[in-house]
N, C-alpha and C. Protein backbone atom coordinates (compact mmCIF):
# COMPACT_ATOMS: atom_id res chain seq x y z
N MET A 1 145.69 102.37 110.46
CA MET A 1 144.68 101.32 110.41
C MET A 1 143.66 101.48 111.52
N ALA A 2 144.14 101.76 112.73
CA ALA A 2 143.23 101.93 113.86
C ALA A 2 142.34 103.14 113.67
N LYS A 3 142.89 104.17 113.04
CA LYS A 3 142.10 105.39 112.81
C LYS A 3 140.95 105.11 111.85
N SER A 4 141.18 104.33 110.80
CA SER A 4 140.10 104.03 109.85
C SER A 4 139.03 103.15 110.50
N ASN A 5 139.44 102.25 111.39
CA ASN A 5 138.46 101.43 112.11
C ASN A 5 137.59 102.29 113.02
N THR A 6 138.22 103.26 113.67
CA THR A 6 137.48 104.16 114.55
C THR A 6 136.48 104.99 113.75
N ILE A 7 136.91 105.46 112.61
CA ILE A 7 136.02 106.26 111.75
C ILE A 7 134.87 105.39 111.23
N SER A 8 135.18 104.17 110.82
CA SER A 8 134.13 103.26 110.34
C SER A 8 133.12 102.96 111.44
N PHE A 9 133.63 102.71 112.64
CA PHE A 9 132.74 102.45 113.77
C PHE A 9 131.86 103.65 114.04
N ALA A 10 132.44 104.84 114.01
CA ALA A 10 131.68 106.07 114.28
C ALA A 10 130.58 106.26 113.23
N ILE A 11 130.88 105.98 111.99
CA ILE A 11 129.89 106.12 110.92
C ILE A 11 128.76 105.11 111.10
N ILE A 12 129.12 103.86 111.38
CA ILE A 12 128.10 102.83 111.57
C ILE A 12 127.24 103.14 112.79
N PHE A 13 127.88 103.52 113.89
CA PHE A 13 127.15 103.85 115.11
C PHE A 13 126.21 105.04 114.88
N SER A 14 126.70 106.06 114.20
CA SER A 14 125.87 107.24 113.91
C SER A 14 124.68 106.87 113.03
N SER A 15 124.92 106.03 112.05
CA SER A 15 123.83 105.60 111.16
C SER A 15 122.76 104.84 111.92
N LEU A 16 123.18 103.93 112.79
CA LEU A 16 122.22 103.18 113.59
C LEU A 16 121.44 104.09 114.52
N LEU A 17 122.11 105.05 115.12
CA LEU A 17 121.45 105.99 116.01
C LEU A 17 120.41 106.81 115.26
N VAL A 18 120.75 107.28 114.08
CA VAL A 18 119.81 108.06 113.27
C VAL A 18 118.61 107.20 112.90
N MET A 19 118.83 105.95 112.51
CA MET A 19 117.71 105.07 112.15
C MET A 19 116.79 104.84 113.33
N LEU A 20 117.35 104.69 114.51
CA LEU A 20 116.51 104.50 115.70
C LEU A 20 115.71 105.74 116.04
N LEU A 21 116.32 106.90 115.88
CA LEU A 21 115.62 108.14 116.20
C LEU A 21 114.55 108.49 115.18
N VAL A 22 114.77 108.09 113.94
CA VAL A 22 113.84 108.42 112.87
C VAL A 22 112.72 107.38 112.77
N ALA A 23 112.95 106.20 113.30
CA ALA A 23 111.96 105.11 113.20
C ALA A 23 110.61 105.58 113.72
N GLU A 24 109.60 105.28 112.96
CA GLU A 24 108.23 105.67 113.31
C GLU A 24 107.67 104.71 114.35
N THR A 25 107.12 105.26 115.39
CA THR A 25 106.47 104.42 116.38
C THR A 25 105.04 104.16 115.93
N VAL A 26 104.62 102.94 116.03
CA VAL A 26 103.29 102.56 115.59
C VAL A 26 102.39 102.42 116.82
N ALA A 27 101.31 103.17 116.80
CA ALA A 27 100.36 103.11 117.90
C ALA A 27 99.41 101.94 117.68
N ASP A 28 99.00 101.34 118.77
CA ASP A 28 98.08 100.21 118.70
C ASP A 28 96.65 100.68 118.94
N PRO A 29 95.76 100.43 117.98
CA PRO A 29 94.36 100.80 118.20
C PRO A 29 93.65 99.78 119.10
N ILE A 30 92.76 100.28 119.92
CA ILE A 30 91.90 99.42 120.75
C ILE A 30 90.47 99.71 120.33
N CYS A 31 89.81 98.71 119.78
CA CYS A 31 88.46 98.90 119.26
C CYS A 31 87.42 98.50 120.31
N SER A 32 86.44 99.38 120.51
CA SER A 32 85.37 99.13 121.48
C SER A 32 84.08 98.68 120.80
N SER A 33 83.92 99.04 119.52
CA SER A 33 82.68 98.72 118.80
C SER A 33 82.97 98.59 117.31
N VAL A 34 82.39 97.57 116.69
CA VAL A 34 82.59 97.36 115.26
C VAL A 34 81.27 97.46 114.51
N HIS A 35 81.40 97.62 113.20
CA HIS A 35 80.24 97.74 112.31
C HIS A 35 80.54 96.90 111.08
N GLY A 36 79.55 96.11 110.65
CA GLY A 36 79.68 95.35 109.41
C GLY A 36 79.23 96.22 108.25
N VAL A 37 80.11 96.39 107.27
CA VAL A 37 79.81 97.24 106.12
C VAL A 37 78.61 96.69 105.37
N GLN A 38 77.68 97.58 105.03
CA GLN A 38 76.45 97.24 104.31
C GLN A 38 76.58 97.61 102.83
N VAL A 39 75.64 97.15 102.04
CA VAL A 39 75.61 97.46 100.61
C VAL A 39 75.61 98.98 100.42
N ASP A 40 76.42 99.44 99.50
CA ASP A 40 76.55 100.85 99.11
C ASP A 40 77.18 101.74 100.18
N GLU A 41 77.70 101.18 101.27
CA GLU A 41 78.38 102.01 102.26
C GLU A 41 79.82 102.26 101.83
N THR A 42 80.28 103.44 102.14
CA THR A 42 81.67 103.82 101.90
C THR A 42 82.26 104.26 103.24
N CYS A 43 83.56 104.46 103.26
CA CYS A 43 84.19 104.98 104.48
C CYS A 43 83.56 106.31 104.86
N THR A 44 83.33 107.16 103.89
CA THR A 44 82.75 108.48 104.15
C THR A 44 81.38 108.36 104.79
N LEU A 45 80.54 107.47 104.26
CA LEU A 45 79.20 107.29 104.83
C LEU A 45 79.27 106.74 106.26
N ILE A 46 80.18 105.81 106.50
CA ILE A 46 80.33 105.25 107.84
C ILE A 46 80.82 106.32 108.81
N ILE A 47 81.77 107.12 108.37
CA ILE A 47 82.29 108.21 109.20
C ILE A 47 81.15 109.16 109.57
N GLN A 48 80.30 109.49 108.60
CA GLN A 48 79.17 110.38 108.86
C GLN A 48 78.13 109.70 109.75
N LYS A 49 77.82 108.44 109.47
CA LYS A 49 76.80 107.71 110.22
C LYS A 49 77.13 107.61 111.71
N PHE A 50 78.41 107.43 112.02
CA PHE A 50 78.82 107.27 113.41
C PHE A 50 79.45 108.55 113.98
N ASN A 51 79.31 109.64 113.24
CA ASN A 51 79.79 110.96 113.68
C ASN A 51 81.26 110.91 114.11
N LEU A 52 82.09 110.38 113.23
CA LEU A 52 83.51 110.23 113.50
C LEU A 52 84.33 111.27 112.76
N ASP A 53 85.49 111.53 113.28
CA ASP A 53 86.49 112.34 112.59
C ASP A 53 87.24 111.40 111.64
N GLU A 54 87.48 111.83 110.41
CA GLU A 54 88.11 110.96 109.42
C GLU A 54 89.47 110.44 109.90
N ARG A 55 90.28 111.32 110.47
CA ARG A 55 91.61 110.92 110.96
C ARG A 55 91.49 109.84 112.04
N HIS A 56 90.54 110.03 112.95
CA HIS A 56 90.34 109.06 114.03
C HIS A 56 89.88 107.71 113.45
N PHE A 57 88.95 107.75 112.50
CA PHE A 57 88.47 106.53 111.85
C PHE A 57 89.63 105.76 111.22
N LEU A 58 90.51 106.47 110.53
CA LEU A 58 91.65 105.81 109.89
C LEU A 58 92.66 105.32 110.92
N ASP A 59 92.80 106.04 112.03
CA ASP A 59 93.71 105.60 113.09
C ASP A 59 93.24 104.32 113.77
N ILE A 60 91.93 104.19 113.98
CA ILE A 60 91.42 102.99 114.65
C ILE A 60 91.18 101.84 113.66
N ASN A 61 91.35 102.12 112.37
CA ASN A 61 91.29 101.10 111.31
C ASN A 61 92.55 101.21 110.46
N PRO A 62 93.72 100.90 111.04
CA PRO A 62 94.98 101.18 110.35
C PRO A 62 95.20 100.39 109.06
N ASN A 63 94.53 99.28 108.88
CA ASN A 63 94.75 98.47 107.67
C ASN A 63 93.65 98.63 106.63
N ILE A 64 92.76 99.58 106.84
CA ILE A 64 91.64 99.74 105.92
C ILE A 64 92.11 100.41 104.63
N ASN A 65 91.54 99.95 103.52
CA ASN A 65 91.73 100.60 102.23
C ASN A 65 90.35 101.02 101.78
N CYS A 66 90.05 102.29 101.91
CA CYS A 66 88.69 102.78 101.62
C CYS A 66 88.30 102.61 100.16
N ASN A 67 89.26 102.38 99.28
CA ASN A 67 88.94 102.13 97.88
C ASN A 67 88.51 100.68 97.65
N LEU A 68 88.79 99.81 98.62
CA LEU A 68 88.48 98.39 98.46
C LEU A 68 87.57 97.86 99.56
N ILE A 69 86.81 98.73 100.19
CA ILE A 69 85.91 98.32 101.27
C ILE A 69 84.83 97.41 100.68
N PHE A 70 84.43 96.37 101.43
CA PHE A 70 83.48 95.41 100.89
C PHE A 70 82.38 95.07 101.89
N VAL A 71 81.25 94.62 101.37
CA VAL A 71 80.10 94.25 102.20
C VAL A 71 80.52 93.14 103.15
N GLY A 72 80.18 93.32 104.43
CA GLY A 72 80.52 92.33 105.44
C GLY A 72 81.84 92.59 106.14
N GLN A 73 82.62 93.53 105.62
CA GLN A 73 83.89 93.86 106.26
C GLN A 73 83.62 94.51 107.61
N TRP A 74 84.33 94.07 108.63
CA TRP A 74 84.18 94.66 109.96
C TRP A 74 85.10 95.86 110.08
N VAL A 75 84.53 97.00 110.45
CA VAL A 75 85.33 98.20 110.68
C VAL A 75 85.08 98.69 112.10
N CYS A 76 86.11 99.24 112.69
CA CYS A 76 85.99 99.78 114.04
C CYS A 76 85.32 101.15 113.95
N VAL A 77 84.31 101.36 114.79
CA VAL A 77 83.60 102.65 114.78
C VAL A 77 83.69 103.36 116.13
N ASP A 78 84.32 102.71 117.09
CA ASP A 78 84.54 103.35 118.39
C ASP A 78 85.78 102.72 119.00
N GLY A 79 86.72 103.54 119.35
CA GLY A 79 87.94 103.02 119.94
C GLY A 79 88.93 104.13 120.20
N LYS A 80 90.13 103.72 120.57
CA LYS A 80 91.19 104.69 120.84
C LYS A 80 92.52 104.11 120.39
N VAL A 81 93.48 104.98 120.26
CA VAL A 81 94.82 104.58 119.86
C VAL A 81 95.74 104.83 121.05
N VAL A 82 96.45 103.78 121.46
CA VAL A 82 97.37 103.92 122.60
C VAL A 82 98.80 103.71 122.18
């Protein structure tokens, strides 16, 4: 009985350890400048207009859905991820 408890504990402990090691760390973006989306603007046009790298733009706007961007939406155009 004690042996099965030890094995169960080892399995549970190992599983928790693996989940902690595999867990993705989420970086927090810090925005220095924003832009209000204008008529006919897309993420691509904003990226070009502000001379941004696409990956960086998406990193500083982690919740953006470029397929659903709308007029008046505030997007970060200058910032960093810490």
